[in-house]
């Protein structure tokens, strides 16, 4: 098992390196630069060029990339070009609310998606299968931001049950934090739950037709034991795969949902950084997103080996 884990870690390193190159180059291909924004509309070309030189933007791209990579290796994310504050400080303020929203949405997705998929997959074309079909149509057919607006309309405007927006830290007041998290996490997690439910249903339905399941039934085992102890474990590998892949979508969706519910977080930070062409803030945020996605998929690979010994041996 140790060799399997080491192999997966070694495969993740070049992915992070290539992702950092892609992030760095894509930003440079976008029209505009921070020097123009900082100089103002009345600045002369000479003044803009002077600011570009002070920011190091006149250096060759390999030099700029090497300098940024060296700073990353030493834990230095640089200083924001627009605010003058350390990027690490801005991320420390903005990342916790986004992470809080993503985790809450992921928990909701797992609590809804996996049980619904198991109920539908245990008896294909049954009542729960129809429930899943109807739920998937609405959950996947309506975008996250539209779901958020509809939830605000019902639970805030009409029923006055929940707050319209904002954020309260969970450590300060758990109950108030849950009130502010309920609608945005439900809006974000509902679509992911539908995806997980559909994959779980398909994987479980395929396993339920196998010979060892018929043998377990012939032994007189209870249907619940057959499904959970025998069928579900063998259907976990594709479910683990799609569960890990949804992390990237959750982080991206959290940025949109934060705008709908006026929550502080990475969404506001990234949008402001894009408007001001704040390269260091955008680069650092995107690299952190990629790192989280790679780590989660690494954990999923390890979970494969734990769930299915055949993966480990191969």
Protein backbone atom coordinates (compact mmCIF):
# COMPACT_ATOMS: atom_id res chain seq x y z
CA UNK A 1 0.00 0.00 0.00
CA UNK A 2 2.89 2.37 0.76
CA UNK A 3 4.30 1.96 -2.75
CA UNK A 4 0.87 2.63 -4.23
CA UNK A 5 0.57 5.89 -2.26
CA UNK A 6 4.10 7.03 -3.15
CA UNK A 7 3.40 6.40 -6.83
CA UNK A 8 0.26 8.52 -6.73
CA UNK A 9 2.09 11.36 -4.94
CA UNK A 10 4.87 11.34 -7.56
CA UNK A 11 2.24 11.55 -10.31
CA UNK A 12 0.64 14.59 -8.66
CA UNK A 13 3.86 16.66 -8.67
CA UNK A 14 4.11 17.20 -12.48
CA UNK A 15 0.39 17.98 -12.58
CA UNK A 16 0.88 20.87 -10.15
CA UNK A 17 3.90 22.09 -12.09
CA UNK A 18 2.09 22.08 -15.45
CA UNK A 19 -0.95 23.74 -13.88
CA UNK A 20 1.23 26.56 -12.53
CA UNK A 21 2.63 27.16 -16.01
CA UNK A 22 -0.87 27.20 -17.52
CA UNK A 23 -2.16 29.66 -14.90
CA UNK A 24 0.82 31.96 -15.38
CA UNK A 25 0.62 32.03 -19.19
CA UNK A 26 -3.15 32.34 -19.50
CA UNK A 27 -3.18 35.49 -17.39
CA UNK A 28 -0.51 37.07 -19.59
CA UNK A 29 -2.58 36.37 -22.71
CA UNK A 30 -5.55 38.35 -21.37
CA UNK A 31 -5.56 41.96 -22.70
CA UNK A 32 -4.54 44.67 -20.24
CA UNK A 33 -2.11 44.69 -17.34
CA UNK A 34 -2.00 46.09 -13.80
CA UNK A 35 0.33 48.94 -14.79
CA UNK A 36 -2.36 50.54 -16.95
CA UNK A 37 -4.89 50.31 -14.12
CA UNK A 38 -2.47 51.69 -11.54
CA UNK A 39 -1.30 54.56 -13.74
CA UNK A 40 -4.81 55.85 -14.40
CA UNK A 41 -6.50 57.13 -17.54
CA UNK A 42 -4.42 60.32 -17.81
CA UNK A 43 -1.02 58.60 -17.58
CA UNK A 44 1.41 58.88 -20.47
CA UNK A 45 2.86 55.78 -22.15
CA UNK A 46 6.20 56.57 -20.49
CA UNK A 47 4.60 56.55 -17.05
CA UNK A 48 2.85 53.26 -17.76
CA UNK A 49 6.12 51.75 -18.95
CA UNK A 50 7.88 52.96 -15.80
CA UNK A 51 5.26 51.27 -13.61
CA UNK A 52 5.57 48.09 -15.66
CA UNK A 53 9.32 48.14 -15.05
CA UNK A 54 8.87 48.68 -11.30
CA UNK A 55 6.45 45.75 -11.14
CA UNK A 56 8.84 43.50 -13.06
CA UNK A 57 6.43 43.09 -15.98
CA UNK A 58 9.07 44.09 -18.53
CA UNK A 59 11.21 41.04 -17.72
CA UNK A 60 10.99 38.02 -20.04
CA UNK A 61 8.16 35.63 -19.19
CA UNK A 62 10.52 32.80 -18.12
CA UNK A 63 12.19 35.19 -15.67
CA UNK A 64 8.84 36.31 -14.25
CA UNK A 65 7.67 32.72 -13.93
CA UNK A 66 10.91 31.60 -12.28
CA UNK A 67 10.71 34.45 -9.78
CA UNK A 68 7.10 33.62 -8.93
CA UNK A 69 7.85 29.89 -8.64
CA UNK A 70 10.80 30.58 -6.36
CA UNK A 71 8.60 32.74 -4.13
CA UNK A 72 5.98 29.97 -3.99
CA UNK A 73 8.63 27.44 -3.00
CA UNK A 74 9.58 29.67 -0.08
CA UNK A 75 5.97 30.23 0.97
CA UNK A 76 5.90 33.81 -0.28
CA UNK A 77 2.77 34.61 -2.30
CA UNK A 78 3.88 38.18 -2.95
CA UNK A 79 2.09 41.49 -2.49
CA UNK A 80 -1.17 42.50 -4.12
CA UNK A 81 -0.54 44.93 -6.95
CA UNK A 82 -3.79 46.82 -6.33
CA UNK A 83 -4.11 46.95 -2.54
CA UNK A 84 -0.47 46.67 -1.48
CA UNK A 85 -1.37 44.02 1.10
CA UNK A 86 0.30 40.59 1.27
CA UNK A 87 -1.54 38.06 -0.86
CA UNK A 88 -1.33 35.56 1.99
CA UNK A 89 -3.22 38.02 4.21
CA UNK A 90 -5.98 38.49 1.62
CA UNK A 91 -6.33 34.73 1.17
CA UNK A 92 -6.40 34.17 4.93
CA UNK A 93 -9.39 36.52 5.13
CA UNK A 94 -11.22 35.25 2.04
CA UNK A 95 -10.55 31.51 1.99
CA UNK A 96 -12.31 30.38 5.23
CA UNK A 97 -15.83 31.58 4.20
CA UNK A 98 -15.47 29.89 0.79
CA UNK A 99 -14.14 26.70 2.32
CA UNK A 100 -17.00 26.76 4.84
CA UNK A 101 -19.54 27.04 2.03
CA UNK A 102 -17.89 24.32 -0.07
CA UNK A 103 -17.69 21.87 2.84
CA UNK A 104 -21.31 22.47 3.86
CA UNK A 105 -22.46 22.03 0.25
CA UNK A 106 -20.42 18.83 -0.10
CA UNK A 107 -21.94 17.37 3.07
CA UNK A 108 -25.43 18.17 1.78
CA UNK A 109 -24.57 16.58 -1.58
CA UNK A 110 -23.35 13.39 0.10
CA UNK A 111 -26.30 13.18 2.49
CA UNK A 112 -28.80 13.56 -0.35
CA UNK A 113 -27.01 12.00 -3.31
CA UNK A 114 -25.60 8.73 -1.96
CA UNK A 115 -28.74 7.51 -0.09
CA UNK A 116 -31.01 8.53 -2.99
CA UNK A 117 -28.74 6.73 -5.45
CA UNK A 118 -28.68 3.60 -3.27
CA UNK A 119 -32.47 3.54 -2.95
CA UNK A 120 -32.91 4.00 -6.70
CA UNK A 121 -30.18 1.50 -7.66
CA UNK A 122 -31.40 -1.21 -5.32
CA UNK A 123 -34.69 -1.41 -7.25
CA UNK A 124 -34.31 0.01 -10.77
CA UNK A 125 -37.52 1.33 -12.31
CA UNK A 126 -39.07 1.42 -8.85
CA UNK A 127 -40.62 4.36 -7.00
CA UNK A 128 -37.31 5.76 -5.79
CA UNK A 129 -35.90 5.54 -9.29
CA UNK A 130 -38.72 7.81 -10.50
CA UNK A 131 -38.08 10.18 -7.61
CA UNK A 132 -34.41 10.38 -8.63
CA UNK A 133 -35.34 11.08 -12.25
CA UNK A 134 -37.64 13.96 -11.30
CA UNK A 135 -35.12 15.37 -8.83
CA UNK A 136 -32.30 15.20 -11.40
CA UNK A 137 -34.32 17.10 -14.00
CA UNK A 138 -34.85 20.05 -11.66
CA UNK A 139 -31.48 19.96 -9.85
CA UNK A 140 -29.38 19.69 -13.02
CA UNK A 141 -31.61 21.78 -15.26
CA UNK A 142 -31.52 24.89 -13.06
CA UNK A 143 -28.14 26.70 -12.70
CA UNK A 144 -26.68 27.30 -9.24
CA UNK A 145 -27.29 31.03 -9.29
CA UNK A 146 -30.92 30.58 -10.38
CA UNK A 147 -31.49 28.03 -7.61
CA UNK A 148 -30.07 30.52 -5.15
CA UNK A 149 -32.41 33.27 -6.36
CA UNK A 150 -35.44 30.96 -6.12
CA UNK A 151 -34.49 29.86 -2.61
CA UNK A 152 -34.08 33.50 -1.57
CA UNK A 153 -37.49 34.29 -3.03
CA UNK A 154 -39.23 31.48 -1.13
CA UNK A 155 -37.44 31.31 2.23
CA UNK A 156 -36.42 34.95 2.63
CA UNK A 157 -38.90 37.14 0.75
CA UNK A 158 -42.07 35.07 1.18
CA UNK A 159 -41.56 33.09 4.40
CA UNK A 160 -39.00 35.33 6.19
CA UNK A 161 -37.34 32.24 7.69
CA UNK A 162 -33.71 32.85 6.75
CA UNK A 163 -31.45 35.89 6.22
CA UNK A 164 -31.01 37.31 2.74
CA UNK A 165 -27.22 37.26 2.69
CA UNK A 166 -23.95 37.81 4.49
CA UNK A 167 -21.92 35.47 6.65
CA UNK A 168 -21.29 34.68 10.31
CA UNK A 169 -18.25 32.63 11.30
CA UNK A 170 -19.12 29.20 12.69
CA UNK A 171 -16.70 29.69 15.59
CA UNK A 172 -18.49 32.88 16.65
CA UNK A 173 -22.07 31.60 16.57
CA UNK A 174 -22.76 28.09 15.21
CA UNK A 175 -26.52 28.56 15.04
CA UNK A 176 -26.33 31.90 13.22
CA UNK A 177 -23.68 30.50 10.89
CA UNK A 178 -25.97 27.62 9.92
CA UNK A 179 -28.81 30.07 9.19
CA UNK A 180 -26.60 32.03 6.82
CA UNK A 181 -25.17 28.85 5.26
CA UNK A 182 -28.45 26.98 4.74
CA UNK A 183 -29.63 28.56 1.49
CA UNK A 184 -26.29 29.00 -0.34
CA UNK A 185 -25.07 25.50 0.57
CA UNK A 186 -28.40 23.97 -0.51
CA UNK A 187 -28.32 25.89 -3.80
CA UNK A 188 -24.77 24.70 -4.47
CA UNK A 189 -25.10 21.15 -3.14
CA UNK A 190 -28.39 20.22 -4.82
CA UNK A 191 -26.88 19.88 -8.29
CA UNK A 192 -23.87 17.91 -7.02
CA UNK A 193 -26.24 15.63 -5.12
CA UNK A 194 -28.07 14.82 -8.36
CA UNK A 195 -24.80 13.90 -10.08
CA UNK A 196 -23.72 11.67 -7.20
CA UNK A 197 -27.15 10.03 -7.02
CA UNK A 198 -27.18 9.20 -10.73
CA UNK A 199 -23.70 7.66 -10.67
CA UNK A 200 -24.45 5.74 -7.47
CA UNK A 201 -27.68 4.45 -8.95
CA UNK A 202 -25.99 3.27 -12.16
CA UNK A 203 -23.04 1.64 -10.38
CA UNK A 204 -25.24 -0.12 -7.85
CA UNK A 205 -27.76 -1.31 -10.46
CA UNK A 206 -24.92 -2.91 -12.45
CA UNK A 207 -23.63 -4.72 -9.36
CA UNK A 208 -27.10 -5.94 -8.36
CA UNK A 209 -27.22 -8.08 -11.52
CA UNK A 210 -23.99 -9.95 -10.73
CA UNK A 211 -23.79 -13.61 -9.68
CA UNK A 212 -22.45 -13.02 -6.17
CA UNK A 213 -25.49 -10.85 -5.37
CA UNK A 214 -27.83 -13.64 -6.49
CA UNK A 215 -25.83 -16.04 -4.32
CA UNK A 216 -26.18 -13.74 -1.31
CA UNK A 217 -29.91 -13.56 -1.88
CA UNK A 218 -30.13 -17.34 -2.24
CA UNK A 219 -28.48 -17.71 1.19
CA UNK A 220 -31.43 -15.85 2.68
CA UNK A 221 -29.64 -12.62 3.62
CA UNK A 222 -31.82 -9.60 4.28
CA UNK A 223 -32.13 -7.20 1.30
CA UNK A 224 -30.60 -4.40 3.39
CA UNK A 225 -27.53 -6.54 4.14
CA UNK A 226 -27.18 -7.57 0.49
CA UNK A 227 -27.29 -3.97 -0.72
CA UNK A 228 -25.11 -2.31 1.90
CA UNK A 229 -22.58 -5.00 2.79
CA UNK A 230 -22.14 -6.69 -0.58
CA UNK A 231 -23.39 -4.54 -3.46
CA UNK A 232 -22.52 -1.03 -2.31
CA UNK A 233 -18.87 -1.79 -1.49
CA UNK A 234 -18.30 -3.16 -4.98
CA UNK A 235 -19.96 -0.11 -6.51
CA UNK A 236 -17.87 2.39 -4.54
CA UNK A 237 -14.97 2.88 -6.98
CA UNK A 238 -16.88 4.85 -9.65
CA UNK A 239 -18.77 6.69 -6.89
CA UNK A 240 -15.49 7.71 -5.24
CA UNK A 241 -14.22 8.92 -8.62
CA UNK A 242 -17.16 11.19 -9.34
CA UNK A 243 -17.28 12.39 -5.72
CA UNK A 244 -13.69 13.60 -5.95
CA UNK A 245 -14.23 15.26 -9.32
CA UNK A 246 -17.10 17.30 -7.91
CA UNK A 247 -14.72 19.20 -5.59
CA UNK A 248 -13.53 21.43 -8.43
CA UNK A 249 -17.10 22.21 -9.43
CA UNK A 250 -18.01 23.03 -5.84
CA UNK A 251 -15.17 25.51 -5.46
CA UNK A 252 -16.03 27.19 -8.76
CA UNK A 253 -19.73 27.20 -7.94
CA UNK A 254 -19.04 28.65 -4.49
CA UNK A 255 -17.56 31.75 -6.14
CA UNK A 256 -20.81 32.31 -8.08
CA UNK A 257 -23.07 31.56 -5.12
CA UNK A 258 -21.13 34.04 -2.99
CA UNK A 259 -22.13 36.78 -5.38
CA UNK A 260 -25.82 35.81 -5.21
CA UNK A 261 -25.88 35.74 -1.41
CA UNK A 262 -23.39 38.62 -0.95
CA UNK A 263 -21.08 36.43 1.11
CA UNK A 264 -17.47 37.47 1.65
CA UNK A 265 -14.97 35.03 0.24
CA UNK A 266 -12.77 34.16 -2.68
CA UNK A 267 -15.49 35.12 -5.16
CA UNK A 268 -15.26 38.80 -4.29
CA UNK A 269 -11.46 38.63 -4.08
CA UNK A 270 -11.07 37.01 -7.51
CA UNK A 271 -13.53 39.33 -9.25
CA UNK A 272 -11.78 42.40 -7.84
CA UNK A 273 -8.42 40.95 -8.83
CA UNK A 274 -9.62 40.29 -12.38
CA UNK A 275 -10.96 43.82 -12.72
CA UNK A 276 -7.64 45.29 -11.58
CA UNK A 277 -5.48 42.67 -13.37
CA UNK A 278 -3.91 41.76 -10.04
CA UNK A 279 -1.79 38.89 -11.33
CA UNK A 280 -0.37 37.65 -8.03
CA UNK A 281 -3.77 37.38 -6.35
CA UNK A 282 -5.30 35.51 -9.30
CA UNK A 283 -2.30 33.22 -9.73
CA UNK A 284 -2.12 32.31 -6.05
CA UNK A 285 -5.87 31.66 -5.81
CA UNK A 286 -5.98 29.47 -8.90
CA UNK A 287 -2.92 27.49 -7.85
CA UNK A 288 -4.52 26.85 -4.45
CA UNK A 289 -7.66 25.62 -6.23
CA UNK A 290 -5.59 23.28 -8.38
CA UNK A 291 -3.66 22.04 -5.35
CA UNK A 292 -6.90 21.27 -3.50
CA UNK A 293 -8.27 19.44 -6.54
CA UNK A 294 -5.06 17.39 -6.91
CA UNK A 295 -4.95 16.52 -3.20
CA UNK A 296 -8.59 15.45 -3.18
CA UNK A 297 -8.05 13.22 -6.21
CA UNK A 298 -4.93 11.82 -4.55
CA UNK A 299 -7.05 10.93 -1.52
CA UNK A 300 -9.62 9.38 -3.87
CA UNK A 301 -6.88 7.22 -5.45
CA UNK A 302 -5.87 6.05 -1.99
CA UNK A 303 -9.51 5.31 -1.21
CA UNK A 304 -9.66 3.15 -4.37
CA UNK A 305 -6.91 0.98 -2.97
CA UNK A 306 -8.68 0.65 0.36
CA UNK A 307 -12.05 -0.13 -1.23
CA UNK A 308 -10.79 -2.50 -3.93
CA UNK A 309 -7.59 -4.55 -3.36
CA UNK A 310 -7.39 -5.24 -7.12
CA UNK A 311 -6.60 -1.57 -7.78
CA UNK A 312 -3.81 -1.68 -5.20
CA UNK A 313 -2.23 -4.78 -6.66
CA UNK A 314 -2.36 -3.51 -10.23
